[in-house]
PDB file of N, CA and C in Angstrom:
ATOM      1  N   UNK A   1     114.803 121.866 101.605  1.00  0.00           N
ATOM      2  CA  UNK A   1     113.546 120.859 101.213  1.00  0.00           C
ATOM      3  C   UNK A   1     112.433 121.813 100.300  1.00  0.00           C
ATOM      4  N   UNK A   2     111.917 121.382  99.388  1.00  0.00           N
ATOM      5  CA  UNK A   2     110.792 121.783  98.233  1.00  0.00           C
ATOM      6  C   UNK A   2     109.750 122.005  99.149  1.00  0.00           C
ATOM      7  N   UNK A   3     109.197 123.073  99.245  1.00  0.00           N
ATOM      8  CA  UNK A   3     107.538 123.017 100.068  1.00  0.00           C
ATOM      9  C   UNK A   3     106.507 122.298  99.217  1.00  0.00           C
ATOM     10  N   UNK A   4     106.451 122.145  98.147  1.00  0.00           N
ATOM     11  CA  UNK A   4     105.622 121.313  97.547  1.00  0.00           C
ATOM     12  C   UNK A   4     105.387 120.079  98.059  1.00  0.00           C
ATOM     13  N   UNK A   5     106.428 119.503  98.205  1.00  0.00           N
ATOM     14  CA  UNK A   5     106.399 117.622  99.108  1.00  0.00           C
ATOM     15  C   UNK A   5     106.482 117.591 100.268  1.00  0.00           C
ATOM     16  N   UNK A   6     106.185 118.992 101.043  1.00  0.00           N
ATOM     17  CA  UNK A   6     106.202 119.104 102.459  1.00  0.00           C
ATOM     18  C   UNK A   6     105.207 118.661 102.954  1.00  0.00           C
ATOM     19  N   UNK A   7     105.205 117.777 104.300  1.00  0.00           N
ATOM     20  CA  UNK A   7     103.804 117.626 104.841  1.00  0.00           C
ATOM     21  C   UNK A   7     104.078 117.258 106.285  1.00  0.00           C
ATOM     22  N   UNK A   8     102.816 117.788 107.246  1.00  0.00           N
ATOM     23  CA  UNK A   8     103.185 117.687 108.609  1.00  0.00           C
ATOM     24  C   UNK A   8     102.657 116.127 109.037  1.00  0.00           C
ATOM     25  N   UNK A   9     103.137 115.614 110.308  1.00  0.00           N
ATOM     26  CA  UNK A   9     102.972 114.497 110.763  1.00  0.00           C
ATOM     27  C   UNK A   9     102.398 114.989 112.149  1.00  0.00           C
ATOM     28  N   UNK A  10     101.062 114.630 112.614  1.00  0.00           N
ATOM     29  CA  UNK A  10     100.253 114.840 113.850  1.00  0.00           C
ATOM     30  C   UNK A  10     100.437 114.142 114.586  1.00  0.00           C
ATOM     31  N   UNK A  11     100.545 113.685 115.894  1.00  0.00           N
ATOM     32  CA  UNK A  11     100.132 112.708 116.652  1.00  0.00           C
ATOM     33  C   UNK A  11      98.838 112.575 117.259  1.00  0.00           C
ATOM     34  N   UNK A  12      98.286 111.437 117.101  1.00  0.00           N
ATOM     35  CA  UNK A  12      96.960 111.074 116.837  1.00  0.00           C
ATOM     36  C   UNK A  12      96.582 111.247 118.897  1.00  0.00           C
ATOM     37  N   UNK A  13      97.624 111.105 119.724  1.00  0.00           N
ATOM     38  CA  UNK A  13      97.264 111.090 121.197  1.00  0.00           C
ATOM     39  C   UNK A  13      97.352 112.363 121.659  1.00  0.00           C
ATOM     40  N   UNK A  14      98.075 113.090 121.579  1.00  0.00           N
ATOM     41  CA  UNK A  14      98.170 114.074 121.793  1.00  0.00           C
ATOM     42  C   UNK A  14      98.063 115.678 121.137  1.00  0.00           C
ATOM     43  N   UNK A  15      98.090 115.356 119.520  1.00  0.00           N
ATOM     44  CA  UNK A  15      97.829 116.310 118.691  1.00  0.00           C
ATOM     45  C   UNK A  15      98.729 116.988 118.545  1.00  0.00           C
ATOM     46  N   UNK A  16      99.872 116.824 118.890  1.00  0.00           N
ATOM     47  CA  UNK A  16     101.077 117.668 118.583  1.00  0.00           C
ATOM     48  C   UNK A  16     101.674 117.585 117.579  1.00  0.00           C
ATOM     49  N   UNK A  17     102.090 118.492 116.756  1.00  0.00           N
ATOM     50  CA  UNK A  17     103.188 118.544 115.381  1.00  0.00           C
ATOM     51  C   UNK A  17     104.249 118.443 115.874  1.00  0.00           C
ATOM     52  N   UNK A  18     104.805 117.049 115.687  1.00  0.00           N
ATOM     53  CA  UNK A  18     106.122 117.083 115.790  1.00  0.00           C
ATOM     54  C   UNK A  18     107.244 116.714 114.710  1.00  0.00           C
ATOM     55  N   UNK A  19     106.743 116.342 113.935  1.00  0.00           N
ATOM     56  CA  UNK A  19     107.938 115.974 112.511  1.00  0.00           C
ATOM     57  C   UNK A  19     106.956 116.780 111.116  1.00  0.00           C
ATOM     58  N   UNK A  20     108.117 116.553 110.009  1.00  0.00           N
ATOM     59  CA  UNK A  20     107.690 117.271 108.930  1.00  0.00           C
ATOM     60  C   UNK A  20     108.299 116.439 108.214  1.00  0.00           C
ATOM     61  N   UNK A  21     108.205 116.130 106.991  1.00  0.00           N
ATOM     62  CA  UNK A  21     108.734 115.136 106.119  1.00  0.00           C
ATOM     63  C   UNK A  21     108.384 115.490 104.488  1.00  0.00           C
ATOM     64  N   UNK A  22     109.203 114.245 103.758  1.00  0.00           N
ATOM     65  CA  UNK A  22     108.510 114.899 102.003  1.00  0.00           C
ATOM     66  C   UNK A  22     107.728 113.842 101.861  1.00  0.00           C
ATOM     67  N   UNK A  23     106.674 113.808 100.935  1.00  0.00           N
ATOM     68  CA  UNK A  23     105.968 112.733 100.267  1.00  0.00           C
ATOM     69  C   UNK A  23     105.806 112.708  98.713  1.00  0.00           C
ATOM     70  N   UNK A  24     105.971 111.617  97.667  1.00  0.00           N
ATOM     71  CA  UNK A  24     105.628 111.893  96.382  1.00  0.00           C
ATOM     72  C   UNK A  24     103.915 111.935  96.236  1.00  0.00           C
ATOM     73  N   UNK A  25     103.536 112.892  96.264  1.00  0.00           N
ATOM     74  CA  UNK A  25     101.930 112.747  96.144  1.00  0.00           C
ATOM     75  C   UNK A  25     101.439 112.328  95.011  1.00  0.00           C
ATOM     76  N   UNK A  26     102.103 112.173  93.712  1.00  0.00           N
ATOM     77  CA  UNK A  26     101.654 111.449  92.315  1.00  0.00           C
ATOM     78  C   UNK A  26     101.735 110.160  92.609  1.00  0.00           C
ATOM     79  N   UNK A  27     102.786 109.628  93.491  1.00  0.00           N
ATOM     80  CA  UNK A  27     102.544 107.743  93.790  1.00  0.00           C
ATOM     81  C   UNK A  27     101.742 107.539  94.756  1.00  0.00           C
ATOM     82  N   UNK A  28     101.879 108.238  96.193  1.00  0.00           N
ATOM     83  CA  UNK A  28     101.143 108.152  97.369  1.00  0.00           C
ATOM     84  C   UNK A  28     100.124 108.905  97.168  1.00  0.00           C
ATOM     85  N   UNK A  29      98.786 108.402  96.972  1.00  0.00           N
ATOM     86  CA  UNK A  29      97.583 109.404  97.296  1.00  0.00           C
ATOM     87  C   UNK A  29      97.006 109.184  98.784  1.00  0.00           C
ATOM     88  N   UNK A  30      97.043 108.220  99.250  1.00  0.00           N
ATOM     89  CA  UNK A  30      96.601 108.134 100.607  1.00  0.00           C
ATOM     90  C   UNK A  30      97.195 108.951 101.739  1.00  0.00           C
ATOM     91  N   UNK A  31      96.693 109.016 102.785  1.00  0.00           N
ATOM     92  CA  UNK A  31      97.595 109.783 103.868  1.00  0.00           C
ATOM     93  C   UNK A  31      98.438 108.780 104.472  1.00  0.00           C
ATOM     94  N   UNK A  32      99.823 109.525 104.829  1.00  0.00           N
ATOM     95  CA  UNK A  32     100.737 108.762 105.396  1.00  0.00           C
ATOM     96  C   UNK A  32     100.613 108.580 107.079  1.00  0.00           C
ATOM     97  N   UNK A  33     100.907 107.452 107.376  1.00  0.00           N
ATOM     98  CA  UNK A  33     100.645 107.092 109.027  1.00  0.00           C
ATOM     99  C   UNK A  33     102.374 106.475 109.035  1.00  0.00           C
ATOM    100  N   UNK A  34     103.027 107.032 110.167  1.00  0.00           N
ATOM    101  CA  UNK A  34     104.040 106.291 111.097  1.00  0.00           C
ATOM    102  C   UNK A  34     104.217 105.965 112.125  1.00  0.00           C
ATOM    103  N   UNK A  35     104.652 105.467 113.157  1.00  0.00           N
ATOM    104  CA  UNK A  35     105.136 105.160 113.952  1.00  0.00           C
ATOM    105  C   UNK A  35     106.602 106.112 114.397  1.00  0.00           C
ATOM    106  N   UNK A  36     106.095 107.134 115.246  1.00  0.00           N
ATOM    107  CA  UNK A  36     106.994 107.913 115.590  1.00  0.00           C
ATOM    108  C   UNK A  36     107.731 108.112 117.129  1.00  0.00           C
ATOM    109  N   UNK A  37     108.664 108.511 117.473  1.00  0.00           N
ATOM    110  CA  UNK A  37     108.782 109.131 119.211  1.00  0.00           C
ATOM    111  C   UNK A  37     108.099 109.978 119.171  1.00  0.00           C
ATOM    112  N   UNK A  38     107.172 110.110 120.479  1.00  0.00           N
ATOM    113  CA  UNK A  38     106.827 111.484 121.254  1.00  0.00           C
ATOM    114  C   UNK A  38     107.227 111.785 122.304  1.00  0.00           C
ATOM    115  N   UNK A  39     108.329 112.862 122.278  1.00  0.00           N
ATOM    116  CA  UNK A  39     108.815 113.184 123.387  1.00  0.00           C
ATOM    117  C   UNK A  39     108.059 113.453 125.081  1.00  0.00           C
ATOM    118  N   UNK A  40     106.674 113.817 124.621  1.00  0.00           N
ATOM    119  CA  UNK A  40     105.918 114.130 125.968  1.00  0.00           C
ATOM    120  C   UNK A  40     105.273 113.179 126.634  1.00  0.00           C
ATOM    121  N   UNK A  41     105.267 111.903 125.962  1.00  0.00           N
ATOM    122  CA  UNK A  41     104.556 111.058 126.332  1.00  0.00           C
ATOM    123  C   UNK A  41     105.706 109.569 126.273  1.00  0.00           C
ATOM    124  N   UNK A  42     107.201 110.443 126.195  1.00  0.00           N
ATOM    125  CA  UNK A  42     108.307 109.399 125.987  1.00  0.00           C
ATOM    126  C   UNK A  42     108.122 107.829 125.529  1.00  0.00           C
ATOM    127  N   UNK A  43     107.236 107.977 124.566  1.00  0.00           N
ATOM    128  CA  UNK A  43     107.354 106.265 123.824  1.00  0.00           C
ATOM    129  C   UNK A  43     106.550 107.009 122.124  1.00  0.00           C
ATOM    130  N   UNK A  44     106.692 105.432 121.642  1.00  0.00           N
ATOM    131  CA  UNK A  44     106.474 105.500 119.950  1.00  0.00           C
ATOM    132  C   UNK A  44     104.787 105.751 120.009  1.00  0.00           C
ATOM    133  N   UNK A  45     104.333 106.513 119.126  1.00  0.00           N
ATOM    134  CA  UNK A  45     102.544 106.547 118.875  1.00  0.00           C
ATOM    135  C   UNK A  45     102.481 106.443 117.412  1.00  0.00           C
ATOM    136  N   UNK A  46     101.432 106.532 117.023  1.00  0.00           N
ATOM    137  CA  UNK A  46     100.942 107.013 115.655  1.00  0.00           C
ATOM    138  C   UNK A  46     100.794 108.196 115.343  1.00  0.00           C
ATOM    139  N   UNK A  47     101.732 108.551 113.993  1.00  0.00           N
ATOM    140  CA  UNK A  47     101.849 110.144 113.366  1.00  0.00           C
ATOM    141  C   UNK A  47     101.070 110.041 112.122  1.00  0.00           C
ATOM    142  N   UNK A  48     100.366 110.769 111.985  1.00  0.00           N
ATOM    143  CA  UNK A  48      99.305 111.062 110.679  1.00  0.00           C
ATOM    144  C   UNK A  48      99.367 112.155 109.844  1.00  0.00           C
ATOM    145  N   UNK A  49      99.657 111.907 108.548  1.00  0.00           N
ATOM    146  CA  UNK A  49      99.496 113.236 107.744  1.00  0.00           C
ATOM    147  C   UNK A  49      98.504 114.243 108.094  1.00  0.00           C
ATOM    148  N   UNK A  50      98.727 115.590 107.831  1.00  0.00           N
ATOM    149  CA  UNK A  50      97.579 116.559 108.380  1.00  0.00           C
ATOM    150  C   UNK A  50      97.874 117.372 107.217  1.00  0.00           C
ATOM    151  N   UNK A  51      96.572 118.012 107.072  1.00  0.00           N
ATOM    152  CA  UNK A  51      96.645 118.923 105.775  1.00  0.00           C
ATOM    153  C   UNK A  51      97.577 120.454 106.378  1.00  0.00           C
ATOM    154  N   UNK A  52      97.998 120.862 105.255  1.00  0.00           N
ATOM    155  CA  UNK A  52      99.220 122.261 105.681  1.00  0.00           C
ATOM    156  C   UNK A  52      97.916 123.222 106.540  1.00  0.00           C
TER     157      UNK A  52
END
């Protein structure tokens, strides 16, 4: 994976960084928000892009 396009996804409820993904920063300027599974809470929660 290229380090330039790599972003962290942080859970909004626990603050845990659980996922890493890629994003085209030229086409998508807004912050990425995805519903992902949180193993601590054992359910799907909203994860937001955070700074490196």
